[in-house]
Amino acid sequence: MASEAAVPAFLDDAIQASLVVAALLTLACSYRVIQGPTVPDRVVALDTIGTNVVAIGVLFALATGRGLFVLIGLVLAIVGFVSTVTVAKYVIEGDIIQ
């Protein structure tokens, strides 16, 4: 039976600090989504929230050692990209499908 390699304490602390920072940045972007002066500001904030959620998923995978969260992060990144392109096209052209 193979034992798991121990994660150094400073790396575990860095992961935990990064999780907190990513969560706080996500909350800050939520404020921009709600109070954004223009629609493009809100779209950029939503895209940033998507990126932060992917980062949180990957950091959580590092902290727990479960690779499934990396896969979930990749799927969220794809969904976030497609949704950002769709919303940007709607804002620019006023129609998604021509």
N, C-alpha and C. Protein backbone atom coordinates (compact mmCIF):
# COMPACT_ATOMS: atom_id res chain seq x y z
N MET A 1 0.84 -1.17 0.00
CA MET A 1 0.00 0.00 0.00
C MET A 1 0.89 1.23 0.00
N ALA A 2 0.69 2.06 -1.00
CA ALA A 2 1.50 3.27 -1.13
C ALA A 2 0.93 4.36 -0.24
N SER A 3 1.80 5.02 0.47
CA SER A 3 1.34 6.12 1.31
C SER A 3 1.41 7.42 0.51
N GLU A 4 0.52 8.33 0.83
CA GLU A 4 0.49 9.62 0.14
C GLU A 4 1.65 10.47 0.61
N ALA A 5 2.20 11.22 -0.32
CA ALA A 5 3.29 12.12 0.04
C ALA A 5 2.72 13.25 0.88
N ALA A 6 3.41 13.56 1.96
CA ALA A 6 2.95 14.62 2.84
C ALA A 6 3.16 15.97 2.18
N VAL A 7 2.15 16.80 2.27
CA VAL A 7 2.25 18.15 1.72
C VAL A 7 2.97 19.01 2.74
N PRO A 8 4.01 19.74 2.30
CA PRO A 8 4.69 20.61 3.26
C PRO A 8 3.73 21.62 3.88
N ALA A 9 4.02 21.99 5.09
CA ALA A 9 3.13 22.88 5.84
C ALA A 9 2.99 24.24 5.16
N PHE A 10 4.10 24.75 4.62
CA PHE A 10 3.99 26.08 3.99
C PHE A 10 3.14 26.02 2.73
N LEU A 11 3.16 24.88 2.01
CA LEU A 11 2.33 24.75 0.82
C LEU A 11 0.85 24.66 1.21
N ASP A 12 0.57 23.94 2.27
CA ASP A 12 -0.81 23.85 2.75
C ASP A 12 -1.32 25.22 3.19
N ASP A 13 -0.46 25.98 3.89
CA ASP A 13 -0.85 27.33 4.30
C ASP A 13 -1.06 28.25 3.10
N ALA A 14 -0.21 28.11 2.08
CA ALA A 14 -0.36 28.94 0.87
C ALA A 14 -1.66 28.61 0.14
N ILE A 15 -2.02 27.33 0.10
CA ILE A 15 -3.27 26.94 -0.56
C ILE A 15 -4.46 27.51 0.21
N GLN A 16 -4.42 27.40 1.52
CA GLN A 16 -5.53 27.94 2.33
C GLN A 16 -5.64 29.46 2.17
N ALA A 17 -4.52 30.16 2.16
CA ALA A 17 -4.55 31.62 1.98
C ALA A 17 -5.07 31.97 0.59
N SER A 18 -4.68 31.19 -0.41
CA SER A 18 -5.16 31.46 -1.77
C SER A 18 -6.65 31.23 -1.89
N LEU A 19 -7.16 30.23 -1.19
CA LEU A 19 -8.61 29.99 -1.20
C LEU A 19 -9.36 31.19 -0.61
N VAL A 20 -8.83 31.73 0.48
CA VAL A 20 -9.48 32.88 1.12
C VAL A 20 -9.44 34.09 0.19
N VAL A 21 -8.28 34.34 -0.44
CA VAL A 21 -8.14 35.49 -1.34
C VAL A 21 -9.08 35.34 -2.54
N ALA A 22 -9.14 34.15 -3.11
CA ALA A 22 -10.03 33.94 -4.26
C ALA A 22 -11.49 34.12 -3.87
N ALA A 23 -11.85 33.67 -2.68
CA ALA A 23 -13.24 33.85 -2.23
C ALA A 23 -13.55 35.33 -2.02
N LEU A 24 -12.61 36.08 -1.44
CA LEU A 24 -12.84 37.52 -1.22
C LEU A 24 -12.93 38.26 -2.56
N LEU A 25 -12.10 37.89 -3.52
CA LEU A 25 -12.16 38.54 -4.83
C LEU A 25 -13.48 38.22 -5.54
N THR A 26 -13.98 37.02 -5.32
CA THR A 26 -15.27 36.66 -5.90
C THR A 26 -16.38 37.52 -5.31
N LEU A 27 -16.31 37.75 -4.01
CA LEU A 27 -17.32 38.62 -3.38
C LEU A 27 -17.20 40.05 -3.91
N ALA A 28 -15.98 40.53 -4.10
CA ALA A 28 -15.79 41.88 -4.64
C ALA A 28 -16.37 41.99 -6.05
N CYS A 29 -16.19 40.94 -6.84
CA CYS A 29 -16.75 40.96 -8.19
C CYS A 29 -18.27 40.88 -8.17
N SER A 30 -18.81 40.23 -7.15
CA SER A 30 -20.27 40.18 -7.02
C SER A 30 -20.84 41.58 -6.83
N TYR A 31 -20.12 42.40 -6.09
CA TYR A 31 -20.56 43.79 -5.93
C TYR A 31 -20.61 44.50 -7.28
N ARG A 32 -19.60 44.26 -8.12
CA ARG A 32 -19.56 44.89 -9.44
C ARG A 32 -20.70 44.38 -10.32
N VAL A 33 -21.04 43.11 -10.18
CA VAL A 33 -22.14 42.57 -10.97
C VAL A 33 -23.45 43.25 -10.58
N ILE A 34 -23.64 43.48 -9.29
CA ILE A 34 -24.89 44.08 -8.82
C ILE A 34 -24.93 45.58 -9.10
N GLN A 35 -23.84 46.29 -8.83
CA GLN A 35 -23.83 47.74 -8.93
C GLN A 35 -23.14 48.26 -10.19
N GLY A 36 -22.74 47.38 -11.09
CA GLY A 36 -21.99 47.82 -12.28
C GLY A 36 -22.70 48.92 -13.03
N PRO A 37 -21.97 49.96 -13.43
CA PRO A 37 -22.66 51.05 -14.11
C PRO A 37 -23.12 50.67 -15.52
N THR A 38 -22.40 49.78 -16.18
CA THR A 38 -22.79 49.41 -17.53
C THR A 38 -22.86 47.89 -17.66
N VAL A 39 -23.49 47.45 -18.72
CA VAL A 39 -23.60 46.01 -18.96
C VAL A 39 -22.23 45.37 -19.22
N PRO A 40 -21.34 45.98 -20.01
CA PRO A 40 -20.02 45.37 -20.19
C PRO A 40 -19.25 45.21 -18.87
N ASP A 41 -19.41 46.15 -17.93
CA ASP A 41 -18.76 45.99 -16.62
C ASP A 41 -19.28 44.74 -15.92
N ARG A 42 -20.58 44.54 -16.01
CA ARG A 42 -21.16 43.36 -15.37
C ARG A 42 -20.70 42.07 -16.04
N VAL A 43 -20.56 42.09 -17.36
CA VAL A 43 -20.10 40.90 -18.08
C VAL A 43 -18.67 40.56 -17.69
N VAL A 44 -17.82 41.56 -17.61
CA VAL A 44 -16.43 41.32 -17.20
C VAL A 44 -16.38 40.79 -15.77
N ALA A 45 -17.22 41.33 -14.90
CA ALA A 45 -17.25 40.85 -13.52
C ALA A 45 -17.72 39.40 -13.45
N LEU A 46 -18.72 39.05 -14.27
CA LEU A 46 -19.18 37.66 -14.30
C LEU A 46 -18.09 36.74 -14.81
N ASP A 47 -17.35 37.18 -15.82
CA ASP A 47 -16.25 36.37 -16.34
C ASP A 47 -15.17 36.18 -15.28
N THR A 48 -14.90 37.22 -14.53
CA THR A 48 -13.92 37.13 -13.45
C THR A 48 -14.39 36.18 -12.35
N ILE A 49 -15.68 36.22 -12.05
CA ILE A 49 -16.22 35.28 -11.05
C ILE A 49 -16.05 33.85 -11.53
N GLY A 50 -16.31 33.61 -12.82
CA GLY A 50 -16.11 32.27 -13.37
C GLY A 50 -14.67 31.81 -13.25
N THR A 51 -13.75 32.71 -13.55
CA THR A 51 -12.33 32.38 -13.43
C THR A 51 -11.96 32.09 -11.98
N ASN A 52 -12.49 32.89 -11.06
CA ASN A 52 -12.20 32.67 -9.64
C ASN A 52 -12.78 31.34 -9.15
N VAL A 53 -13.94 30.97 -9.64
CA VAL A 53 -14.53 29.69 -9.23
C VAL A 53 -13.68 28.53 -9.74
N VAL A 54 -13.15 28.66 -10.95
CA VAL A 54 -12.24 27.63 -11.47
C VAL A 54 -10.99 27.55 -10.59
N ALA A 55 -10.45 28.69 -10.21
CA ALA A 55 -9.27 28.70 -9.35
C ALA A 55 -9.57 28.08 -8.00
N ILE A 56 -10.75 28.37 -7.45
CA ILE A 56 -11.14 27.78 -6.18
C ILE A 56 -11.25 26.26 -6.30
N GLY A 57 -11.80 25.79 -7.42
CA GLY A 57 -11.91 24.34 -7.63
C GLY A 57 -10.56 23.67 -7.69
N VAL A 58 -9.62 24.28 -8.41
CA VAL A 58 -8.28 23.70 -8.53
C VAL A 58 -7.55 23.75 -7.19
N LEU A 59 -7.68 24.86 -6.48
CA LEU A 59 -7.04 24.95 -5.17
C LEU A 59 -7.65 23.94 -4.19
N PHE A 60 -8.95 23.74 -4.27
CA PHE A 60 -9.59 22.75 -3.41
C PHE A 60 -9.11 21.35 -3.76
N ALA A 61 -8.89 21.09 -5.06
CA ALA A 61 -8.34 19.80 -5.48
C ALA A 61 -6.94 19.60 -4.92
N LEU A 62 -6.15 20.65 -4.91
CA LEU A 62 -4.81 20.56 -4.34
C LEU A 62 -4.87 20.32 -2.84
N ALA A 63 -5.81 20.97 -2.17
CA ALA A 63 -5.90 20.84 -0.71
C ALA A 63 -6.40 19.46 -0.29
N THR A 64 -7.32 18.89 -1.07
CA THR A 64 -7.90 17.62 -0.67
C THR A 64 -7.27 16.42 -1.38
N GLY A 65 -6.56 16.67 -2.46
CA GLY A 65 -5.96 15.56 -3.21
C GLY A 65 -6.92 14.83 -4.10
N ARG A 66 -8.05 15.43 -4.38
CA ARG A 66 -9.05 14.81 -5.26
C ARG A 66 -8.99 15.48 -6.64
N GLY A 67 -8.64 14.69 -7.65
CA GLY A 67 -8.50 15.22 -9.00
C GLY A 67 -9.81 15.55 -9.68
N LEU A 68 -10.91 15.08 -9.12
CA LEU A 68 -12.21 15.34 -9.73
C LEU A 68 -12.50 16.84 -9.80
N PHE A 69 -12.03 17.59 -8.83
CA PHE A 69 -12.31 19.02 -8.80
C PHE A 69 -11.57 19.76 -9.92
N VAL A 70 -10.46 19.21 -10.38
CA VAL A 70 -9.77 19.80 -11.53
C VAL A 70 -10.62 19.62 -12.79
N LEU A 71 -11.20 18.44 -12.93
CA LEU A 71 -12.08 18.18 -14.07
C LEU A 71 -13.30 19.09 -14.03
N ILE A 72 -13.86 19.26 -12.86
CA ILE A 72 -15.01 20.17 -12.71
C ILE A 72 -14.59 21.60 -13.05
N GLY A 73 -13.40 21.98 -12.65
CA GLY A 73 -12.90 23.31 -12.98
C GLY A 73 -12.74 23.52 -14.47
N LEU A 74 -12.27 22.48 -15.17
CA LEU A 74 -12.14 22.59 -16.62
C LEU A 74 -13.50 22.74 -17.29
N VAL A 75 -14.48 21.99 -16.83
CA VAL A 75 -15.83 22.11 -17.39
C VAL A 75 -16.40 23.50 -17.12
N LEU A 76 -16.19 24.01 -15.91
CA LEU A 76 -16.67 25.36 -15.59
C LEU A 76 -15.97 26.41 -16.44
N ALA A 77 -14.70 26.21 -16.74
CA ALA A 77 -13.98 27.16 -17.59
C ALA A 77 -14.56 27.18 -19.00
N ILE A 78 -14.89 26.01 -19.51
CA ILE A 78 -15.48 25.94 -20.85
C ILE A 78 -16.85 26.61 -20.86
N VAL A 79 -17.66 26.31 -19.87
CA VAL A 79 -19.00 26.91 -19.79
C VAL A 79 -18.88 28.43 -19.62
N GLY A 80 -17.94 28.87 -18.81
CA GLY A 80 -17.75 30.31 -18.63
C GLY A 80 -17.31 31.01 -19.89
N PHE A 81 -16.43 30.36 -20.66
CA PHE A 81 -15.99 30.97 -21.93
C PHE A 81 -17.15 31.08 -22.91
N VAL A 82 -17.90 30.01 -23.06
CA VAL A 82 -19.02 30.04 -24.00
C VAL A 82 -20.06 31.07 -23.57
N SER A 83 -20.35 31.15 -22.29
CA SER A 83 -21.35 32.12 -21.84
C SER A 83 -20.86 33.55 -22.00
N THR A 84 -19.58 33.78 -21.78
CA THR A 84 -19.04 35.13 -21.97
C THR A 84 -19.11 35.55 -23.43
N VAL A 85 -18.75 34.66 -24.32
CA VAL A 85 -18.82 34.97 -25.75
C VAL A 85 -20.27 35.22 -26.17
N THR A 86 -21.18 34.42 -25.63
CA THR A 86 -22.59 34.59 -25.98
C THR A 86 -23.14 35.92 -25.49
N VAL A 87 -22.84 36.28 -24.26
CA VAL A 87 -23.34 37.55 -23.71
C VAL A 87 -22.69 38.72 -24.45
N ALA A 88 -21.40 38.61 -24.76
CA ALA A 88 -20.74 39.69 -25.49
C ALA A 88 -21.36 39.88 -26.87
N LYS A 89 -21.68 38.78 -27.53
CA LYS A 89 -22.32 38.88 -28.84
C LYS A 89 -23.71 39.51 -28.71
N TYR A 90 -24.42 39.16 -27.65
CA TYR A 90 -25.75 39.74 -27.44
C TYR A 90 -25.65 41.24 -27.17
N VAL A 91 -24.66 41.64 -26.39
CA VAL A 91 -24.50 43.06 -26.07
C VAL A 91 -24.13 43.85 -27.32
N ILE A 92 -23.28 43.30 -28.15
CA ILE A 92 -22.81 44.02 -29.33
C ILE A 92 -23.88 44.04 -30.43
N GLU A 93 -24.47 42.87 -30.72
CA GLU A 93 -25.36 42.78 -31.86
C GLU A 93 -26.85 42.79 -31.49
N GLY A 94 -27.17 42.52 -30.23
CA GLY A 94 -28.56 42.51 -29.82
C GLY A 94 -29.27 41.22 -30.14
N ASP A 95 -28.56 40.24 -30.72
CA ASP A 95 -29.15 38.96 -31.07
C ASP A 95 -28.06 37.90 -30.99
N ILE A 96 -28.41 36.73 -30.50
CA ILE A 96 -27.41 35.67 -30.35
C ILE A 96 -27.34 34.83 -31.61
N ILE A 97 -28.49 34.40 -32.10
CA ILE A 97 -28.54 33.56 -33.30
C ILE A 97 -29.14 34.40 -34.42
N GLN A 98 -28.42 34.45 -35.54
CA GLN A 98 -28.90 35.26 -36.66
C GLN A 98 -29.67 34.42 -37.64
